[in-house]
């Protein structure tokens, strides 16, 4: 069983590499359930390691369309990205 810190670092490394992901995509990349990922993201949001990006336009007009990992066709998506504080935590390992 991995520790909280190990799971946080794993998610931060993925977000640093992938740039923007939702909880479904993150759960698919690591061995955690979507619910577990959502709890970790909540913790990381409260500590400033990640931030929310919400796109509320159609895919064709969305600013994230070239990097969006989320299924096309949704009107509103919520993805997460790493912050400077998250990058600093990765650098302090």
PDB file of N, CA and C in Angstrom:
ATOM      1  N   UNK A   1       0.843  -1.184   0.000  1.00  0.00           N
ATOM      2  CA  UNK A   1       0.000   0.000   0.000  1.00  0.00           C
ATOM      3  C   UNK A   1       0.886   1.246   0.000  1.00  0.00           C
ATOM      4  N   UNK A   2       0.582   2.153  -0.900  1.00  0.00           N
ATOM      5  CA  UNK A   2       1.395   3.359  -1.008  1.00  0.00           C
ATOM      6  C   UNK A   2       0.931   4.412  -0.007  1.00  0.00           C
ATOM      7  N   UNK A   3       1.875   5.223   0.426  1.00  0.00           N
ATOM      8  CA  UNK A   3       1.563   6.275   1.380  1.00  0.00           C
ATOM      9  C   UNK A   3       0.887   7.448   0.679  1.00  0.00           C
ATOM     10  N   UNK A   4       0.297   8.312   1.485  1.00  0.00           N
ATOM     11  CA  UNK A   4      -0.336   9.521   0.964  1.00  0.00           C
ATOM     12  C   UNK A   4       0.676  10.327   0.156  1.00  0.00           C
ATOM     13  N   UNK A   5       1.862  10.500   0.706  1.00  0.00           N
ATOM     14  CA  UNK A   5       2.898  11.277   0.018  1.00  0.00           C
ATOM     15  C   UNK A   5       3.264  10.651  -1.330  1.00  0.00           C
ATOM     16  N   UNK A   6       3.421   9.337  -1.366  1.00  0.00           N
ATOM     17  CA  UNK A   6       3.773   8.660  -2.622  1.00  0.00           C
ATOM     18  C   UNK A   6       2.689   8.855  -3.676  1.00  0.00           C
ATOM     19  N   UNK A   7       1.428   8.759  -3.265  1.00  0.00           N
ATOM     20  CA  UNK A   7       0.332   8.952  -4.212  1.00  0.00           C
ATOM     21  C   UNK A   7       0.252  10.388  -4.707  1.00  0.00           C
ATOM     22  N   UNK A   8       0.483  11.338  -3.814  1.00  0.00           N
ATOM     23  CA  UNK A   8       0.484  12.749  -4.217  1.00  0.00           C
ATOM     24  C   UNK A   8       1.600  13.002  -5.217  1.00  0.00           C
ATOM     25  N   UNK A   9       2.789  12.514  -4.932  1.00  0.00           N
ATOM     26  CA  UNK A   9       3.913  12.708  -5.852  1.00  0.00           C
ATOM     27  C   UNK A   9       3.657  12.037  -7.196  1.00  0.00           C
ATOM     28  N   UNK A  10       3.035  10.883  -7.175  1.00  0.00           N
ATOM     29  CA  UNK A  10       2.718  10.174  -8.415  1.00  0.00           C
ATOM     30  C   UNK A  10       1.757  11.008  -9.275  1.00  0.00           C
ATOM     31  N   UNK A  11       0.716  11.554  -8.651  1.00  0.00           N
ATOM     32  CA  UNK A  11      -0.241  12.385  -9.390  1.00  0.00           C
ATOM     33  C   UNK A  11       0.430  13.649  -9.903  1.00  0.00           C
ATOM     34  N   UNK A  12       1.256  14.275  -9.093  1.00  0.00           N
ATOM     35  CA  UNK A  12       1.946  15.493  -9.530  1.00  0.00           C
ATOM     36  C   UNK A  12       2.872  15.218 -10.710  1.00  0.00           C
ATOM     37  N   UNK A  13       3.573  14.096 -10.691  1.00  0.00           N
ATOM     38  CA  UNK A  13       4.446  13.749 -11.822  1.00  0.00           C
ATOM     39  C   UNK A  13       3.630  13.549 -13.102  1.00  0.00           C
ATOM     40  N   UNK A  14       2.486  12.906 -12.968  1.00  0.00           N
ATOM     41  CA  UNK A  14       1.619  12.697 -14.133  1.00  0.00           C
ATOM     42  C   UNK A  14       1.115  14.032 -14.660  1.00  0.00           C
ATOM     43  N   UNK A  15       0.664  14.914 -13.772  1.00  0.00           N
ATOM     44  CA  UNK A  15       0.166  16.218 -14.212  1.00  0.00           C
ATOM     45  C   UNK A  15       1.278  17.074 -14.806  1.00  0.00           C
ATOM     46  N   UNK A  16       2.470  16.948 -14.286  1.00  0.00           N
ATOM     47  CA  UNK A  16       3.592  17.700 -14.853  1.00  0.00           C
ATOM     48  C   UNK A  16       3.865  17.242 -16.287  1.00  0.00           C
ATOM     49  N   UNK A  17       3.760  15.965 -16.518  1.00  0.00           N
ATOM     50  CA  UNK A  17       4.011  15.397 -17.846  1.00  0.00           C
ATOM     51  C   UNK A  17       2.837  15.633 -18.805  1.00  0.00           C
ATOM     52  N   UNK A  18       1.613  15.407 -18.343  1.00  0.00           N
ATOM     53  CA  UNK A  18       0.432  15.453 -19.210  1.00  0.00           C
ATOM     54  C   UNK A  18      -0.202  16.840 -19.317  1.00  0.00           C
ATOM     55  N   UNK A  19       0.086  17.724 -18.393  1.00  0.00           N
ATOM     56  CA  UNK A  19      -0.409  19.106 -18.321  1.00  0.00           C
ATOM     57  C   UNK A  19      -1.823  19.226 -17.754  1.00  0.00           C
ATOM     58  N   UNK A  20      -2.829  18.617 -18.385  1.00  0.00           N
ATOM     59  CA  UNK A  20      -4.221  18.747 -17.950  1.00  0.00           C
ATOM     60  C   UNK A  20      -4.893  17.383 -17.973  1.00  0.00           C
ATOM     61  N   UNK A  21      -5.488  16.974 -16.841  1.00  0.00           N
ATOM     62  CA  UNK A  21      -6.223  15.708 -16.790  1.00  0.00           C
ATOM     63  C   UNK A  21      -7.411  15.838 -15.846  1.00  0.00           C
ATOM     64  N   UNK A  22      -8.454  15.058 -16.124  1.00  0.00           N
ATOM     65  CA  UNK A  22      -9.564  14.976 -15.183  1.00  0.00           C
ATOM     66  C   UNK A  22      -9.347  13.766 -14.273  1.00  0.00           C
ATOM     67  N   UNK A  23     -10.217  13.602 -13.290  1.00  0.00           N
ATOM     68  CA  UNK A  23     -10.022  12.518 -12.328  1.00  0.00           C
ATOM     69  C   UNK A  23     -10.174  11.144 -12.976  1.00  0.00           C
ATOM     70  N   UNK A  24     -11.029  11.027 -13.970  1.00  0.00           N
ATOM     71  CA  UNK A  24     -11.202   9.755 -14.673  1.00  0.00           C
ATOM     72  C   UNK A  24      -9.905   9.347 -15.371  1.00  0.00           C
ATOM     73  N   UNK A  25      -9.284  10.290 -16.070  1.00  0.00           N
ATOM     74  CA  UNK A  25      -8.037  10.004 -16.780  1.00  0.00           C
ATOM     75  C   UNK A  25      -6.907   9.710 -15.788  1.00  0.00           C
ATOM     76  N   UNK A  26      -6.848  10.463 -14.696  1.00  0.00           N
ATOM     77  CA  UNK A  26      -5.816  10.214 -13.679  1.00  0.00           C
ATOM     78  C   UNK A  26      -5.964   8.819 -13.081  1.00  0.00           C
ATOM     79  N   UNK A  27      -7.188   8.440 -12.749  1.00  0.00           N
ATOM     80  CA  UNK A  27      -7.419   7.115 -12.166  1.00  0.00           C
ATOM     81  C   UNK A  27      -6.992   6.019 -13.130  1.00  0.00           C
ATOM     82  N   UNK A  28      -7.158   6.260 -14.418  1.00  0.00           N
ATOM     83  CA  UNK A  28      -6.747   5.274 -15.412  1.00  0.00           C
ATOM     84  C   UNK A  28      -5.240   5.131 -15.531  1.00  0.00           C
ATOM     85  N   UNK A  29      -4.503   6.140 -15.099  1.00  0.00           N
ATOM     86  CA  UNK A  29      -3.045   6.117 -15.218  1.00  0.00           C
ATOM     87  C   UNK A  29      -2.349   5.579 -13.970  1.00  0.00           C
ATOM     88  N   UNK A  30      -3.076   5.483 -12.859  1.00  0.00           N
ATOM     89  CA  UNK A  30      -2.492   4.956 -11.627  1.00  0.00           C
ATOM     90  C   UNK A  30      -3.425   3.900 -11.039  1.00  0.00           C
ATOM     91  N   UNK A  31      -2.942   3.163 -10.106  1.00  0.00           N
ATOM     92  CA  UNK A  31      -3.727   2.053  -9.549  1.00  0.00           C
ATOM     93  C   UNK A  31      -4.582   2.501  -8.365  1.00  0.00           C
ATOM     94  N   UNK A  32      -5.426   3.505  -8.604  1.00  0.00           N
ATOM     95  CA  UNK A  32      -6.360   3.994  -7.601  1.00  0.00           C
ATOM     96  C   UNK A  32      -7.733   4.136  -8.242  1.00  0.00           C
ATOM     97  N   UNK A  33      -8.772   4.108  -7.422  1.00  0.00           N
ATOM     98  CA  UNK A  33     -10.113   4.327  -7.950  1.00  0.00           C
ATOM     99  C   UNK A  33     -10.320   5.813  -8.207  1.00  0.00           C
ATOM    100  N   UNK A  34     -11.346   6.125  -8.977  1.00  0.00           N
ATOM    101  CA  UNK A  34     -11.654   7.529  -9.240  1.00  0.00           C
ATOM    102  C   UNK A  34     -11.977   8.252  -7.930  1.00  0.00           C
ATOM    103  N   UNK A  35     -12.685   7.588  -7.017  1.00  0.00           N
ATOM    104  CA  UNK A  35     -13.000   8.182  -5.719  1.00  0.00           C
ATOM    105  C   UNK A  35     -11.753   8.505  -4.914  1.00  0.00           C
ATOM    106  N   UNK A  36     -10.789   7.605  -4.936  1.00  0.00           N
ATOM    107  CA  UNK A  36      -9.525   7.852  -4.227  1.00  0.00           C
ATOM    108  C   UNK A  36      -8.781   9.026  -4.852  1.00  0.00           C
ATOM    109  N   UNK A  37      -8.782   9.090  -6.179  1.00  0.00           N
ATOM    110  CA  UNK A  37      -8.125  10.201  -6.875  1.00  0.00           C
ATOM    111  C   UNK A  37      -8.823  11.516  -6.528  1.00  0.00           C
ATOM    112  N   UNK A  38     -10.155  11.516  -6.481  1.00  0.00           N
ATOM    113  CA  UNK A  38     -10.889  12.736  -6.139  1.00  0.00           C
ATOM    114  C   UNK A  38     -10.535  13.220  -4.737  1.00  0.00           C
ATOM    115  N   UNK A  39     -10.383  12.306  -3.792  1.00  0.00           N
ATOM    116  CA  UNK A  39      -9.987  12.689  -2.429  1.00  0.00           C
ATOM    117  C   UNK A  39      -8.576  13.270  -2.412  1.00  0.00           C
ATOM    118  N   UNK A  40      -7.668  12.646  -3.139  1.00  0.00           N
ATOM    119  CA  UNK A  40      -6.295  13.162  -3.213  1.00  0.00           C
ATOM    120  C   UNK A  40      -6.259  14.531  -3.875  1.00  0.00           C
ATOM    121  N   UNK A  41      -7.027  14.697  -4.954  1.00  0.00           N
ATOM    122  CA  UNK A  41      -7.084  15.995  -5.640  1.00  0.00           C
ATOM    123  C   UNK A  41      -7.629  17.061  -4.691  1.00  0.00           C
ATOM    124  N   UNK A  42      -8.659  16.728  -3.916  1.00  0.00           N
ATOM    125  CA  UNK A  42      -9.196  17.675  -2.937  1.00  0.00           C
ATOM    126  C   UNK A  42      -8.142  18.114  -1.938  1.00  0.00           C
ATOM    127  N   UNK A  43      -7.359  17.166  -1.455  1.00  0.00           N
ATOM    128  CA  UNK A  43      -6.267  17.476  -0.537  1.00  0.00           C
ATOM    129  C   UNK A  43      -5.241  18.381  -1.222  1.00  0.00           C
ATOM    130  N   UNK A  44      -4.877  18.037  -2.453  1.00  0.00           N
ATOM    131  CA  UNK A  44      -3.862  18.810  -3.173  1.00  0.00           C
ATOM    132  C   UNK A  44      -4.376  20.195  -3.536  1.00  0.00           C
ATOM    133  N   UNK A  45      -5.663  20.338  -3.836  1.00  0.00           N
ATOM    134  CA  UNK A  45      -6.245  21.659  -4.080  1.00  0.00           C
ATOM    135  C   UNK A  45      -6.150  22.521  -2.828  1.00  0.00           C
ATOM    136  N   UNK A  46      -6.486  21.938  -1.683  1.00  0.00           N
ATOM    137  CA  UNK A  46      -6.477  22.702  -0.432  1.00  0.00           C
ATOM    138  C   UNK A  46      -5.075  23.133  -0.017  1.00  0.00           C
ATOM    139  N   UNK A  47      -4.059  22.427  -0.502  1.00  0.00           N
ATOM    140  CA  UNK A  47      -2.676  22.781  -0.190  1.00  0.00           C
ATOM    141  C   UNK A  47      -1.991  23.549  -1.321  1.00  0.00           C
ATOM    142  N   UNK A  48      -2.713  23.795  -2.402  1.00  0.00           N
ATOM    143  CA  UNK A  48      -2.171  24.602  -3.494  1.00  0.00           C
ATOM    144  C   UNK A  48      -1.237  23.878  -4.444  1.00  0.00           C
ATOM    145  N   UNK A  49      -1.238  22.543  -4.440  1.00  0.00           N
ATOM    146  CA  UNK A  49      -0.352  21.784  -5.329  1.00  0.00           C
ATOM    147  C   UNK A  49      -0.916  21.634  -6.739  1.00  0.00           C
ATOM    148  N   UNK A  50      -2.231  21.719  -6.864  1.00  0.00           N
ATOM    149  CA  UNK A  50      -2.896  21.659  -8.166  1.00  0.00           C
ATOM    150  C   UNK A  50      -3.949  22.755  -8.212  1.00  0.00           C
ATOM    151  N   UNK A  51      -4.413  23.052  -9.413  1.00  0.00           N
ATOM    152  CA  UNK A  51      -5.514  24.000  -9.558  1.00  0.00           C
ATOM    153  C   UNK A  51      -6.504  23.457 -10.579  1.00  0.00           C
ATOM    154  N   UNK A  52      -7.723  23.965 -10.480  1.00  0.00           N
ATOM    155  CA  UNK A  52      -8.805  23.562 -11.373  1.00  0.00           C
ATOM    156  C   UNK A  52      -8.814  24.464 -12.595  1.00  0.00           C
ATOM    157  N   UNK A  53      -9.040  23.853 -13.732  1.00  0.00           N
ATOM    158  CA  UNK A  53      -9.290  24.605 -14.957  1.00  0.00           C
ATOM    159  C   UNK A  53     -10.619  24.103 -15.502  1.00  0.00           C
ATOM    160  N   UNK A  54     -11.551  25.022 -15.693  1.00  0.00           N
ATOM    161  CA  UNK A  54     -12.858  24.655 -16.219  1.00  0.00           C
ATOM    162  C   UNK A  54     -13.030  25.287 -17.585  1.00  0.00           C
ATOM    163  N   UNK A  55     -13.371  24.471 -18.545  1.00  0.00           N
ATOM    164  CA  UNK A  55     -13.671  24.951 -19.895  1.00  0.00           C
ATOM    165  C   UNK A  55     -15.170  24.801 -20.083  1.00  0.00           C
ATOM    166  N   UNK A  56     -15.829  25.900 -20.383  1.00  0.00           N
ATOM    167  CA  UNK A  56     -17.284  25.831 -20.497  1.00  0.00           C
ATOM    168  C   UNK A  56     -17.791  26.230 -21.879  1.00  0.00           C
ATOM    169  N   UNK A  57     -17.005  25.980 -22.884  1.00  0.00           N
ATOM    170  CA  UNK A  57     -17.452  26.233 -24.248  1.00  0.00           C
ATOM    171  C   UNK A  57     -17.380  24.932 -25.034  1.00  0.00           C
ATOM    172  N   UNK A  58     -17.909  24.952 -26.221  1.00  0.00           N
ATOM    173  CA  UNK A  58     -17.838  23.742 -27.029  1.00  0.00           C
ATOM    174  C   UNK A  58     -16.388  23.480 -27.413  1.00  0.00           C
ATOM    175  N   UNK A  59     -16.097  22.241 -27.736  1.00  0.00           N
ATOM    176  CA  UNK A  59     -14.717  21.835 -28.005  1.00  0.00           C
ATOM    177  C   UNK A  59     -14.055  22.682 -29.096  1.00  0.00           C
ATOM    178  N   UNK A  60     -14.785  23.022 -30.134  1.00  0.00           N
ATOM    179  CA  UNK A  60     -14.191  23.779 -31.242  1.00  0.00           C
ATOM    180  C   UNK A  60     -13.699  25.152 -30.816  1.00  0.00           C
ATOM    181  N   UNK A  61     -14.342  25.744 -29.808  1.00  0.00           N
ATOM    182  CA  UNK A  61     -13.958  27.088 -29.368  1.00  0.00           C
ATOM    183  C   UNK A  61     -13.115  27.094 -28.102  1.00  0.00           C
ATOM    184  N   UNK A  62     -12.902  25.936 -27.507  1.00  0.00           N
ATOM    185  CA  UNK A  62     -12.202  25.850 -26.228  1.00  0.00           C
ATOM    186  C   UNK A  62     -10.713  26.144 -26.388  1.00  0.00           C
ATOM    187  N   UNK A  63     -10.170  26.887 -25.448  1.00  0.00           N
ATOM    188  CA  UNK A  63      -8.741  27.204 -25.465  1.00  0.00           C
ATOM    189  C   UNK A  63      -7.872  25.982 -25.214  1.00  0.00           C
ATOM    190  N   UNK A  64      -8.432  24.949 -24.601  1.00  0.00           N
ATOM    191  CA  UNK A  64      -7.667  23.743 -24.277  1.00  0.00           C
ATOM    192  C   UNK A  64      -7.798  22.652 -25.334  1.00  0.00           C
ATOM    193  N   UNK A  65      -8.449  22.938 -26.454  1.00  0.00           N
ATOM    194  CA  UNK A  65      -8.782  21.878 -27.416  1.00  0.00           C
ATOM    195  C   UNK A  65      -7.567  21.117 -27.938  1.00  0.00           C
ATOM    196  N   UNK A  66      -6.424  21.753 -28.029  1.00  0.00           N
ATOM    197  CA  UNK A  66      -5.239  21.076 -28.559  1.00  0.00           C
ATOM    198  C   UNK A  66      -4.548  20.162 -27.556  1.00  0.00           C
ATOM    199  N   UNK A  67      -4.835  20.341 -26.286  1.00  0.00           N
ATOM    200  CA  UNK A  67      -4.185  19.524 -25.259  1.00  0.00           C
ATOM    201  C   UNK A  67      -5.178  18.758 -24.400  1.00  0.00           C
ATOM    202  N   UNK A  68      -6.435  18.851 -24.706  1.00  0.00           N
ATOM    203  CA  UNK A  68      -7.478  18.259 -23.871  1.00  0.00           C
ATOM    204  C   UNK A  68      -7.472  16.737 -23.962  1.00  0.00           C
ATOM    205  N   UNK A  69      -7.339  16.050 -22.818  1.00  0.00           N
ATOM    206  CA  UNK A  69      -7.361  14.588 -22.811  1.00  0.00           C
ATOM    207  C   UNK A  69      -8.762  14.017 -22.616  1.00  0.00           C
ATOM    208  N   UNK A  70      -9.741  14.897 -22.457  1.00  0.00           N
ATOM    209  CA  UNK A  70     -11.098  14.483 -22.127  1.00  0.00           C
ATOM    210  C   UNK A  70     -11.889  14.224 -23.402  1.00  0.00           C
ATOM    211  N   UNK A  71     -12.824  13.304 -23.323  1.00  0.00           N
ATOM    212  CA  UNK A  71     -13.653  12.974 -24.485  1.00  0.00           C
ATOM    213  C   UNK A  71     -14.252  14.225 -25.105  1.00  0.00           C
ATOM    214  N   UNK A  72     -14.225  14.292 -26.401  1.00  0.00           N
ATOM    215  CA  UNK A  72     -14.765  15.444 -27.117  1.00  0.00           C
ATOM    216  C   UNK A  72     -16.286  15.455 -27.037  1.00  0.00           C
ATOM    217  N   UNK A  73     -16.846  16.645 -27.137  1.00  0.00           N
ATOM    218  CA  UNK A  73     -18.287  16.771 -27.200  1.00  0.00           C
ATOM    219  C   UNK A  73     -18.955  17.242 -25.924  1.00  0.00           C
ATOM    220  N   UNK A  74     -18.246  17.297 -24.821  1.00  0.00           N
ATOM    221  CA  UNK A  74     -18.855  17.801 -23.588  1.00  0.00           C
ATOM    222  C   UNK A  74     -18.910  19.317 -23.652  1.00  0.00           C
ATOM    223  N   UNK A  75     -19.905  19.899 -22.994  1.00  0.00           N
ATOM    224  CA  UNK A  75     -19.996  21.352 -22.943  1.00  0.00           C
ATOM    225  C   UNK A  75     -19.170  21.938 -21.808  1.00  0.00           C
ATOM    226  N   UNK A  76     -19.090  21.225 -20.698  1.00  0.00           N
ATOM    227  CA  UNK A  76     -18.321  21.713 -19.554  1.00  0.00           C
ATOM    228  C   UNK A  76     -17.406  20.591 -19.080  1.00  0.00           C
ATOM    229  N   UNK A  77     -16.132  20.900 -18.954  1.00  0.00           N
ATOM    230  CA  UNK A  77     -15.193  19.929 -18.418  1.00  0.00           C
ATOM    231  C   UNK A  77     -14.398  20.575 -17.291  1.00  0.00           C
ATOM    232  N   UNK A  78     -13.975  19.764 -16.361  1.00  0.00           N
ATOM    233  CA  UNK A  78     -13.119  20.221 -15.273  1.00  0.00           C
ATOM    234  C   UNK A  78     -11.875  19.355 -15.289  1.00  0.00           C
ATOM    235  N   UNK A  79     -10.737  20.008 -15.458  1.00  0.00           N
ATOM    236  CA  UNK A  79      -9.465  19.305 -15.448  1.00  0.00           C
ATOM    237  C   UNK A  79      -8.573  19.948 -14.396  1.00  0.00           C
ATOM    238  N   UNK A  80      -7.496  19.277 -14.087  1.00  0.00           N
ATOM    239  CA  UNK A  80      -6.564  19.750 -13.066  1.00  0.00           C
ATOM    240  C   UNK A  80      -5.183  19.879 -13.676  1.00  0.00           C
ATOM    241  N   UNK A  81      -4.426  20.833 -13.157  1.00  0.00           N
ATOM    242  CA  UNK A  81      -3.052  21.030 -13.598  1.00  0.00           C
ATOM    243  C   UNK A  81      -2.184  21.326 -12.376  1.00  0.00           C
ATOM    244  N   UNK A  82      -0.924  21.076 -12.514  1.00  0.00           N
ATOM    245  CA  UNK A  82       0.024  21.288 -11.418  1.00  0.00           C
ATOM    246  C   UNK A  82       0.329  22.781 -11.283  1.00  0.00           C
ATOM    247  N   UNK A  83       0.567  23.232 -10.066  1.00  0.00           N
ATOM    248  CA  UNK A  83       0.929  24.623  -9.801  1.00  0.00           C
ATOM    249  C   UNK A  83       2.434  24.723  -9.538  1.00  0.00           C
ATOM    250  N   UNK A  84       2.909  25.942  -9.378  1.00  0.00           N
ATOM    251  CA  UNK A  84       4.307  26.147  -9.015  1.00  0.00           C
ATOM    252  C   UNK A  84       4.644  25.488  -7.683  1.00  0.00           C
ATOM    253  N   UNK A  85       3.715  25.541  -6.756  1.00  0.00           N
ATOM    254  CA  UNK A  85       3.927  24.902  -5.451  1.00  0.00           C
ATOM    255  C   UNK A  85       4.024  23.383  -5.608  1.00  0.00           C
ATOM    256  N   UNK A  86       3.229  22.825  -6.505  1.00  0.00           N
ATOM    257  CA  UNK A  86       3.311  21.389  -6.783  1.00  0.00           C
ATOM    258  C   UNK A  86       4.639  21.018  -7.408  1.00  0.00           C
ATOM    259  N   UNK A  87       5.114  21.856  -8.336  1.00  0.00           N
ATOM    260  CA  UNK A  87       6.422  21.611  -8.958  1.00  0.00           C
ATOM    261  C   UNK A  87       7.540  21.712  -7.925  1.00  0.00           C
ATOM    262  N   UNK A  88       7.407  22.663  -7.008  1.00  0.00           N
ATOM    263  CA  UNK A  88       8.410  22.808  -5.948  1.00  0.00           C
ATOM    264  C   UNK A  88       8.443  21.559  -5.064  1.00  0.00           C
ATOM    265  N   UNK A  89       7.280  20.991  -4.779  1.00  0.00           N
ATOM    266  CA  UNK A  89       7.240  19.762  -3.987  1.00  0.00           C
ATOM    267  C   UNK A  89       7.939  18.626  -4.725  1.00  0.00           C
ATOM    268  N   UNK A  90       7.738  18.530  -6.026  1.00  0.00           N
ATOM    269  CA  UNK A  90       8.433  17.508  -6.810  1.00  0.00           C
ATOM    270  C   UNK A  90       9.942  17.720  -6.780  1.00  0.00           C
ATOM    271  N   UNK A  91      10.361  18.979  -6.806  1.00  0.00           N
ATOM    272  CA  UNK A  91      11.787  19.289  -6.793  1.00  0.00           C
ATOM    273  C   UNK A  91      12.453  19.034  -5.458  1.00  0.00           C
ATOM    274  N   UNK A  92      11.657  18.974  -4.386  1.00  0.00           N
ATOM    275  CA  UNK A  92      12.228  18.799  -3.049  1.00  0.00           C
ATOM    276  C   UNK A  92      12.325  17.341  -2.628  1.00  0.00           C
ATOM    277  N   UNK A  93      11.966  16.413  -3.512  1.00  0.00           N
ATOM    278  CA  UNK A  93      11.984  14.988  -3.151  1.00  0.00           C
ATOM    279  C   UNK A  93      13.328  14.602  -2.753  1.00  0.00           C
TER     280      UNK A  93
END
